[in-house]
Amino acid sequence: MGTVFSFDVRDTRTPAIETALGDAVAWLHHVDEVFSTYRADSPVSRLARGEIGLDECPAEVREVLDLCDRVERTTGGWFSTTANGSLDPTGLVKGWAVDRAAQILRAAGARHSCVNGGGDLRLSGEAAPGVPWRIGIAHPHRPGELCTVVTGRDLAVATSGTAERGAHILDPHTGTPATRLASVTVVGPDLTTTDAYATAAFAMGPAARDWLEGLDGHEGFAVAPDGGTWHTRGFPGTPGAGR
């Protein structure tokens, strides 16, 4: 998936949790083998080229594409698997894969953990007894500084922007790079939708504020190209915490 994953488990490390960590890593490697657009031989790459049909792909491909269709409808088309002209569901796959990895850990008894997929996080439980997780969000214009700090328990945090990879998110309605925001962070109950919604919100630009306000269970914070910021009313963070 072209990024790095990490695990932070705050529970006592039991043999079951150690095994689950191995299972979670194996799961992420499996997802990469199936969905990677960087691998010419992955089922998704072959499906995009028309070499195989959906029925010839692993069952996970249909599951993910169904989820993508649902998110595309919810976002009014601002999330798309074909914004670059070919099939690319990775805007949802990473969050979906991280959610499943977190489920593997929870099933083994890890109640307090963070699974990090390239800076997008699925947080379970607490950082310590009675202490919520605190997630610093990098400022897109000021390297080394934070633009906000998200605080909470049992939540997902996803950020889309230009700081790390430049203008790589496309406006699916025009096919051109989205540039009306510098970054947008979305907080929600699961990373599957939260990550996809962050991508859609970034593509929307300033209109994302009203859209996120009307989206049950999700909140957002954004930095504009001129450095200005905005956030939804229920955003669980501290804007300007890094200044």
C-alpha atoms as a PDB file:
ATOM      1  CA  MET A   1       0.000   0.000   0.000  1.00  0.00           C
ATOM      2  CA  GLY A   2       3.013   2.239  -0.317  1.00  0.00           C
ATOM      3  CA  THR A   3       3.228   3.174   3.370  1.00  0.00           C
ATOM      4  CA  VAL A   4       4.419   2.036   6.809  1.00  0.00           C
ATOM      5  CA  PHE A   5       2.302   0.404   9.522  1.00  0.00           C
ATOM      6  CA  SER A   6       3.013   0.257  13.244  1.00  0.00           C
ATOM      7  CA  PHE A   7       1.421  -1.163  16.392  1.00  0.00           C
ATOM      8  CA  ASP A   8       1.359   0.317  19.893  1.00  0.00           C
ATOM      9  CA  VAL A   9      -0.116  -2.142  22.413  1.00  0.00           C
ATOM     10  CA  ARG A  10      -0.568  -0.818  25.976  1.00  0.00           C
ATOM     11  CA  ASP A  11      -1.877  -4.097  27.478  1.00  0.00           C
ATOM     12  CA  THR A  12       0.319  -6.709  29.146  1.00  0.00           C
ATOM     13  CA  ARG A  13       1.889  -8.664  26.289  1.00  0.00           C
ATOM     14  CA  THR A  14       0.466 -12.169  26.593  1.00  0.00           C
ATOM     15  CA  PRO A  15       1.308 -15.092  24.260  1.00  0.00           C
ATOM     16  CA  ALA A  16      -2.145 -14.611  22.673  1.00  0.00           C
ATOM     17  CA  ILE A  17      -1.392 -10.961  21.921  1.00  0.00           C
ATOM     18  CA  GLU A  18       2.038 -11.826  20.531  1.00  0.00           C
ATOM     19  CA  THR A  19       0.391 -14.345  18.195  1.00  0.00           C
ATOM     20  CA  ALA A  20      -2.248 -11.790  17.227  1.00  0.00           C
ATOM     21  CA  LEU A  21       0.428  -9.254  16.320  1.00  0.00           C
ATOM     22  CA  GLY A  22       1.913 -11.786  13.926  1.00  0.00           C
ATOM     23  CA  ASP A  23      -1.541 -12.515  12.515  1.00  0.00           C
ATOM     24  CA  ALA A  24      -2.231  -8.788  12.061  1.00  0.00           C
ATOM     25  CA  VAL A  25       1.046  -8.277  10.198  1.00  0.00           C
ATOM     26  CA  ALA A  26       0.290 -11.290   7.991  1.00  0.00           C
ATOM     27  CA  TRP A  27      -3.160  -9.835   7.291  1.00  0.00           C
ATOM     28  CA  LEU A  28      -1.675  -6.514   6.168  1.00  0.00           C
ATOM     29  CA  HIS A  29       0.761  -8.298   3.856  1.00  0.00           C
ATOM     30  CA  HIS A  30      -2.172 -10.259   2.397  1.00  0.00           C
ATOM     31  CA  VAL A  31      -4.113  -7.032   1.794  1.00  0.00           C
ATOM     32  CA  ASP A  32      -1.097  -5.543   0.032  1.00  0.00           C
ATOM     33  CA  GLU A  33      -0.777  -8.599  -2.199  1.00  0.00           C
ATOM     34  CA  VAL A  34      -4.462  -8.395  -3.164  1.00  0.00           C
ATOM     35  CA  PHE A  35      -5.044  -4.645  -3.469  1.00  0.00           C
ATOM     36  CA  SER A  36      -1.722  -2.987  -4.231  1.00  0.00           C
ATOM     37  CA  THR A  37      -1.780  -0.804  -7.332  1.00  0.00           C
ATOM     38  CA  TYR A  38       2.042  -0.834  -7.183  1.00  0.00           C
ATOM     39  CA  ARG A  39       2.108  -4.574  -7.932  1.00  0.00           C
ATOM     40  CA  ALA A  40       1.332  -5.479 -11.520  1.00  0.00           C
ATOM     41  CA  ASP A  41       0.320  -9.009 -10.487  1.00  0.00           C
ATOM     42  CA  SER A  42      -2.124  -8.075  -7.722  1.00  0.00           C
ATOM     43  CA  PRO A  43      -5.759  -9.064  -8.349  1.00  0.00           C
ATOM     44  CA  VAL A  44      -6.826  -5.417  -8.256  1.00  0.00           C
ATOM     45  CA  SER A  45      -4.215  -4.427 -10.840  1.00  0.00           C
ATOM     46  CA  ARG A  46      -5.242  -7.321 -13.053  1.00  0.00           C
ATOM     47  CA  LEU A  47      -8.922  -6.435 -12.585  1.00  0.00           C
ATOM     48  CA  ALA A  48      -8.209  -2.819 -13.541  1.00  0.00           C
ATOM     49  CA  ARG A  49      -6.534  -4.005 -16.763  1.00  0.00           C
ATOM     50  CA  GLY A  50      -9.477  -6.287 -17.568  1.00  0.00           C
ATOM     51  CA  GLU A  51      -7.379  -9.469 -17.366  1.00  0.00           C
ATOM     52  CA  ILE A  52      -9.733 -11.040 -14.802  1.00  0.00           C
ATOM     53  CA  GLY A  53     -13.297 -10.475 -13.691  1.00  0.00           C
ATOM     54  CA  LEU A  54     -14.589  -9.657 -10.218  1.00  0.00           C
ATOM     55  CA  ASP A  55     -15.702 -13.253  -9.710  1.00  0.00           C
ATOM     56  CA  GLU A  56     -12.095 -14.371 -10.197  1.00  0.00           C
ATOM     57  CA  CYS A  57     -10.813 -12.058  -7.451  1.00  0.00           C
ATOM     58  CA  PRO A  58     -10.557 -12.936  -3.752  1.00  0.00           C
ATOM     59  CA  ALA A  59     -13.812 -12.319  -1.857  1.00  0.00           C
ATOM     60  CA  GLU A  60     -12.302  -9.280  -0.129  1.00  0.00           C
ATOM     61  CA  VAL A  61     -12.245  -7.367  -3.416  1.00  0.00           C
ATOM     62  CA  ARG A  62     -16.026  -7.467  -3.792  1.00  0.00           C
ATOM     63  CA  GLU A  63     -16.429  -6.509  -0.119  1.00  0.00           C
ATOM     64  CA  VAL A  64     -14.171  -3.476  -0.538  1.00  0.00           C
ATOM     65  CA  LEU A  65     -15.733  -2.352  -3.814  1.00  0.00           C
ATOM     66  CA  ASP A  66     -19.202  -2.575  -2.234  1.00  0.00           C
ATOM     67  CA  LEU A  67     -17.966  -0.371   0.613  1.00  0.00           C
ATOM     68  CA  CYS A  68     -16.464   2.044  -1.913  1.00  0.00           C
ATOM     69  CA  ASP A  69     -19.798   2.299  -3.724  1.00  0.00           C
ATOM     70  CA  ARG A  70     -21.522   3.083  -0.435  1.00  0.00           C
ATOM     71  CA  VAL A  71     -19.012   5.817   0.434  1.00  0.00           C
ATOM     72  CA  GLU A  72     -19.237   7.270  -3.062  1.00  0.00           C
ATOM     73  CA  ARG A  73     -22.992   7.664  -2.612  1.00  0.00           C
ATOM     74  CA  THR A  74     -22.627   9.147   0.878  1.00  0.00           C
ATOM     75  CA  THR A  75     -20.086  11.707  -0.356  1.00  0.00           C
ATOM     76  CA  GLY A  76     -22.036  12.690  -3.435  1.00  0.00           C
ATOM     77  CA  GLY A  77     -19.299  11.345  -5.678  1.00  0.00           C
ATOM     78  CA  TRP A  78     -16.420  13.165  -3.965  1.00  0.00           C
ATOM     79  CA  PHE A  79     -14.914   9.799  -3.108  1.00  0.00           C
ATOM     80  CA  SER A  80     -14.221   7.740  -6.213  1.00  0.00           C
ATOM     81  CA  THR A  81     -12.288   4.587  -7.082  1.00  0.00           C
ATOM     82  CA  THR A  82     -11.710   5.844 -10.629  1.00  0.00           C
ATOM     83  CA  ALA A  83     -10.650   9.488 -10.165  1.00  0.00           C
ATOM     84  CA  ASN A  84      -7.403   8.836 -12.047  1.00  0.00           C
ATOM     85  CA  GLY A  85      -9.160   6.978 -14.856  1.00  0.00           C
ATOM     86  CA  SER A  86      -8.443   3.462 -13.621  1.00  0.00           C
ATOM     87  CA  LEU A  87      -9.614   1.336 -10.713  1.00  0.00           C
ATOM     88  CA  ASP A  88      -7.930   2.346  -7.442  1.00  0.00           C
ATOM     89  CA  PRO A  89      -9.769   1.518  -4.183  1.00  0.00           C
ATOM     90  CA  THR A  90      -6.767   2.296  -1.953  1.00  0.00           C
ATOM     91  CA  GLY A  91      -8.480   5.405  -0.561  1.00  0.00           C
ATOM     92  CA  LEU A  92     -10.634   3.015   1.463  1.00  0.00           C
ATOM     93  CA  VAL A  93      -8.517  -0.154   1.608  1.00  0.00           C
ATOM     94  CA  LYS A  94      -5.944   1.137   4.080  1.00  0.00           C
ATOM     95  CA  GLY A  95      -8.523   2.107   6.698  1.00  0.00           C
ATOM     96  CA  TRP A  96     -10.419  -1.130   6.159  1.00  0.00           C
ATOM     97  CA  ALA A  97      -7.222  -3.162   6.563  1.00  0.00           C
ATOM     98  CA  VAL A  98      -6.250  -1.299   9.750  1.00  0.00           C
ATOM     99  CA  ASP A  99      -9.718  -1.843  11.235  1.00  0.00           C
ATOM    100  CA  ARG A 100      -9.405  -5.579  10.639  1.00  0.00           C
ATOM    101  CA  ALA A 101      -5.923  -5.633  12.164  1.00  0.00           C
ATOM    102  CA  ALA A 102      -7.282  -3.846  15.245  1.00  0.00           C
ATOM    103  CA  GLN A 103     -10.077  -6.428  15.479  1.00  0.00           C
ATOM    104  CA  ILE A 104      -7.496  -9.230  15.443  1.00  0.00           C
ATOM    105  CA  LEU A 105      -5.728  -7.614  18.393  1.00  0.00           C
ATOM    106  CA  ARG A 106      -8.949  -7.045  20.349  1.00  0.00           C
ATOM    107  CA  ALA A 107     -10.035 -10.644  19.863  1.00  0.00           C
ATOM    108  CA  ALA A 108      -6.755 -11.733  21.484  1.00  0.00           C
ATOM    109  CA  GLY A 109      -7.303  -9.515  24.528  1.00  0.00           C
ATOM    110  CA  ALA A 110      -5.577  -6.281  23.502  1.00  0.00           C
ATOM    111  CA  ARG A 111      -8.104  -3.706  24.697  1.00  0.00           C
ATOM    112  CA  HIS A 112      -5.799  -0.683  24.585  1.00  0.00           C
ATOM    113  CA  SER A 113      -3.895  -0.299  21.342  1.00  0.00           C
ATOM    114  CA  CYS A 114      -3.135   1.939  18.389  1.00  0.00           C
ATOM    115  CA  VAL A 115      -2.748   0.631  14.857  1.00  0.00           C
ATOM    116  CA  ASN A 116      -1.127   3.251  12.635  1.00  0.00           C
ATOM    117  CA  GLY A 117      -1.330   2.999   8.859  1.00  0.00           C
ATOM    118  CA  GLY A 118       0.762   5.768   7.337  1.00  0.00           C
ATOM    119  CA  GLY A 119      -0.417   8.302   9.919  1.00  0.00           C
ATOM    120  CA  ASP A 120      -4.068   7.231   9.923  1.00  0.00           C
ATOM    121  CA  LEU A 121      -4.959   5.654  13.259  1.00  0.00           C
ATOM    122  CA  ARG A 122      -7.403   3.206  14.835  1.00  0.00           C
ATOM    123  CA  LEU A 123      -7.283   3.705  18.592  1.00  0.00           C
ATOM    124  CA  SER A 124      -8.784   1.233  21.045  1.00  0.00           C
ATOM    125  CA  GLY A 125      -9.366   1.877  24.735  1.00  0.00           C
ATOM    126  CA  GLU A 126      -7.000   4.289  26.462  1.00  0.00           C
ATOM    127  CA  ALA A 127      -3.339   5.252  26.365  1.00  0.00           C
ATOM    128  CA  ALA A 128      -3.120   4.438  30.086  1.00  0.00           C
ATOM    129  CA  PRO A 129      -5.705   3.773  32.831  1.00  0.00           C
ATOM    130  CA  GLY A 130      -7.907   6.857  32.963  1.00  0.00           C
ATOM    131  CA  VAL A 131      -5.828   8.632  30.302  1.00  0.00           C
ATOM    132  CA  PRO A 132      -7.251   9.186  26.800  1.00  0.00           C
ATOM    133  CA  TRP A 133      -5.187   8.948  23.651  1.00  0.00           C
ATOM    134  CA  ARG A 134      -3.704  12.260  22.434  1.00  0.00           C
ATOM    135  CA  ILE A 135      -2.864  12.447  18.734  1.00  0.00           C
ATOM    136  CA  GLY A 136      -0.866  15.359  17.369  1.00  0.00           C
ATOM    137  CA  ILE A 137      -1.726  16.413  13.813  1.00  0.00           C
ATOM    138  CA  ALA A 138       1.207  17.762  11.814  1.00  0.00           C
ATOM    139  CA  HIS A 139       0.861  21.293  10.492  1.00  0.00           C
ATOM    140  CA  PRO A 140       0.929  21.194   6.663  1.00  0.00           C
ATOM    141  CA  HIS A 141       2.716  24.566   6.421  1.00  0.00           C
ATOM    142  CA  ARG A 142       5.056  24.417   9.418  1.00  0.00           C
ATOM    143  CA  PRO A 143       7.307  21.339   9.542  1.00  0.00           C
ATOM    144  CA  GLY A 144       7.842  20.153  13.086  1.00  0.00           C
ATOM    145  CA  GLU A 145       4.738  21.903  14.445  1.00  0.00           C
ATOM    146  CA  LEU A 146       1.248  20.651  15.246  1.00  0.00           C
ATOM    147  CA  CYS A 147      -1.938  22.332  14.064  1.00  0.00           C
ATOM    148  CA  THR A 148      -4.212  20.495  16.529  1.00  0.00           C
ATOM    149  CA  VAL A 149      -4.267  17.651  19.046  1.00  0.00           C
ATOM    150  CA  VAL A 150      -7.085  15.096  18.977  1.00  0.00           C
ATOM    151  CA  THR A 151      -8.058  13.591  22.331  1.00  0.00           C
ATOM    152  CA  GLY A 152     -10.320  10.602  22.919  1.00  0.00           C
ATOM    153  CA  ARG A 153     -10.959   6.912  23.466  1.00  0.00           C
ATOM    154  CA  ASP A 154     -12.030   4.255  20.963  1.00  0.00           C
ATOM    155  CA  LEU A 155     -11.837   6.374  17.837  1.00  0.00           C
ATOM    156  CA  ALA A 156     -10.290   6.641  14.384  1.00  0.00           C
ATOM    157  CA  VAL A 157      -8.282   9.608  13.099  1.00  0.00           C
ATOM    158  CA  ALA A 158      -7.408  10.187   9.440  1.00  0.00           C
ATOM    159  CA  THR A 159      -5.691  13.131   7.745  1.00  0.00           C
ATOM    160  CA  SER A 160      -5.511  13.928   4.041  1.00  0.00           C
ATOM    161  CA  GLY A 161      -3.331  16.692   2.663  1.00  0.00           C
ATOM    162  CA  THR A 162      -0.434  17.851   0.555  1.00  0.00           C
ATOM    163  CA  ALA A 163       2.386  17.976   3.146  1.00  0.00           C
ATOM    164  CA  GLU A 164       3.812  14.477   2.644  1.00  0.00           C
ATOM    165  CA  ARG A 165       2.985  13.587  -0.952  1.00  0.00           C
ATOM    166  CA  GLY A 166       2.133  16.872  -2.619  1.00  0.00           C
ATOM    167  CA  ALA A 167      -1.124  17.341  -4.536  1.00  0.00           C
ATOM    168  CA  HIS A 168      -1.876  13.632  -4.979  1.00  0.00           C
ATOM    169  CA  ILE A 169      -5.630  13.649  -4.278  1.00  0.00           C
ATOM    170  CA  LEU A 170      -7.700  14.256  -7.383  1.00  0.00           C
ATOM    171  CA  ASP A 171     -11.013  16.048  -7.704  1.00  0.00           C
ATOM    172  CA  PRO A 172     -13.091  13.170  -9.113  1.00  0.00           C
ATOM    173  CA  HIS A 173     -15.356  15.599 -10.969  1.00  0.00           C
ATOM    174  CA  THR A 174     -12.522  17.221 -12.940  1.00  0.00           C
ATOM    175  CA  GLY A 175      -9.651  14.729 -12.689  1.00  0.00           C
ATOM    176  CA  THR A 176      -7.311  17.530 -11.585  1.00  0.00           C
ATOM    177  CA  PRO A 177      -5.432  17.750  -8.251  1.00  0.00           C
ATOM    178  CA  ALA A 178      -7.490  19.074  -5.345  1.00  0.00           C
ATOM    179  CA  THR A 179      -5.782  22.177  -3.915  1.00  0.00           C
ATOM    180  CA  ARG A 180      -8.465  24.146  -2.070  1.00  0.00           C
ATOM    181  CA  LEU A 181      -7.325  22.816   1.332  1.00  0.00           C
ATOM    182  CA  ALA A 182      -3.857  22.130   2.733  1.00  0.00           C
ATOM    183  CA  SER A 183      -5.086  19.353   5.017  1.00  0.00           C
ATOM    184  CA  VAL A 184      -8.216  17.960   6.582  1.00  0.00           C
ATOM    185  CA  THR A 185      -8.447  15.655   9.582  1.00  0.00           C
ATOM    186  CA  VAL A 186     -11.558  13.568  10.203  1.00  0.00           C
ATOM    187  CA  VAL A 187     -12.379  11.765  13.455  1.00  0.00           C
ATOM    188  CA  GLY A 188     -14.910   8.941  13.589  1.00  0.00           C
ATOM    189  CA  PRO A 189     -15.747   5.525  15.066  1.00  0.00           C
ATOM    190  CA  ASP A 190     -13.912   3.377  12.506  1.00  0.00           C
ATOM    191  CA  LEU A 191     -11.057   3.973  10.092  1.00  0.00           C
ATOM    192  CA  THR A 192     -12.738   2.388   7.060  1.00  0.00           C
ATOM    193  CA  THR A 193     -15.145   5.268   6.567  1.00  0.00           C
ATOM    194  CA  THR A 194     -13.140   7.930   8.423  1.00  0.00           C
ATOM    195  CA  ASP A 195     -10.153   7.567   6.079  1.00  0.00           C
ATOM    196  CA  ALA A 196     -12.371   7.583   2.994  1.00  0.00           C
ATOM    197  CA  TYR A 197     -14.307  10.604   4.292  1.00  0.00           C
ATOM    198  CA  ALA A 198     -11.031  12.475   4.865  1.00  0.00           C
ATOM    199  CA  THR A 199     -10.104  11.887   1.227  1.00  0.00           C
ATOM    200  CA  ALA A 200     -13.537  13.062   0.065  1.00  0.00           C
ATOM    201  CA  ALA A 201     -13.504  16.097   2.359  1.00  0.00           C
ATOM    202  CA  PHE A 202     -10.104  17.169   1.059  1.00  0.00           C
ATOM    203  CA  ALA A 203     -11.365  16.914  -2.522  1.00  0.00           C
ATOM    204  CA  MET A 204     -14.475  18.960  -1.608  1.00  0.00           C
ATOM    205  CA  GLY A 205     -12.459  21.885  -0.313  1.00  0.00           C
ATOM    206  CA  PRO A 206     -14.206  24.470   1.909  1.00  0.00           C
ATOM    207  CA  ALA A 207     -17.616  22.866   1.237  1.00  0.00           C
ATOM    208  CA  ALA A 208     -16.458  19.957   3.399  1.00  0.00           C
ATOM    209  CA  ARG A 209     -17.212  21.939   6.549  1.00  0.00           C
ATOM    210  CA  ASP A 210     -20.991  21.919   6.069  1.00  0.00           C
ATOM    211  CA  TRP A 211     -20.891  18.325   4.811  1.00  0.00           C
ATOM    212  CA  LEU A 212     -19.007  17.131   7.885  1.00  0.00           C
ATOM    213  CA  GLU A 213     -21.314  19.079  10.198  1.00  0.00           C
ATOM    214  CA  GLY A 214     -24.216  17.059   8.830  1.00  0.00           C
ATOM    215  CA  LEU A 215     -22.439  13.698   9.015  1.00  0.00           C
ATOM    216  CA  ASP A 216     -23.437  11.676  12.064  1.00  0.00           C
ATOM    217  CA  GLY A 217     -20.566  10.358  14.164  1.00  0.00           C
ATOM    218  CA  HIS A 218     -17.783  12.246  12.383  1.00  0.00           C
ATOM    219  CA  GLU A 219     -16.027  15.557  13.032  1.00  0.00           C
ATOM    220  CA  GLY A 220     -13.408  17.486  11.088  1.00  0.00           C
ATOM    221  CA  PHE A 221     -10.597  20.035  11.269  1.00  0.00           C
ATOM    222  CA  ALA A 222      -9.012  21.699   8.237  1.00  0.00           C
ATOM    223  CA  VAL A 223      -6.133  23.983   7.333  1.00  0.00           C
ATOM    224  CA  ALA A 224      -6.576  26.241   4.310  1.00  0.00           C
ATOM    225  CA  PRO A 225      -3.818  27.062   1.800  1.00  0.00           C
ATOM    226  CA  ASP A 226      -3.442  30.508   3.423  1.00  0.00           C
ATOM    227  CA  GLY A 227      -2.970  28.953   6.883  1.00  0.00           C
ATOM    228  CA  GLY A 228      -6.459  29.661   8.183  1.00  0.00           C
ATOM    229  CA  THR A 229      -8.280  26.879  10.001  1.00  0.00           C
ATOM    230  CA  TRP A 230     -11.805  25.704  10.712  1.00  0.00           C
ATOM    231  CA  HIS A 231     -13.368  22.806  12.600  1.00  0.00           C
ATOM    232  CA  THR A 232     -16.786  21.302  13.157  1.00  0.00           C
ATOM    233  CA  ARG A 233     -18.633  22.026  16.402  1.00  0.00           C
ATOM    234  CA  GLY A 234     -17.968  18.625  17.990  1.00  0.00           C
ATOM    235  CA  PHE A 235     -14.329  18.222  16.978  1.00  0.00           C
ATOM    236  CA  PRO A 236     -12.543  16.490  19.900  1.00  0.00           C
ATOM    237  CA  GLY A 237      -9.347  18.469  19.619  1.00  0.00           C
ATOM    238  CA  THR A 238      -7.360  21.516  20.632  1.00  0.00           C
ATOM    239  CA  PRO A 239      -6.840  23.709  17.541  1.00  0.00           C
ATOM    240  CA  GLY A 240      -3.609  25.679  17.581  1.00  0.00           C
ATOM    241  CA  ALA A 241      -2.035  23.351  20.138  1.00  0.00           C
ATOM    242  CA  GLY A 242       1.283  23.361  18.283  1.00  0.00           C
ATOM    243  CA  ARG A 243       1.733  27.131  18.077  1.00  0.00           C
END
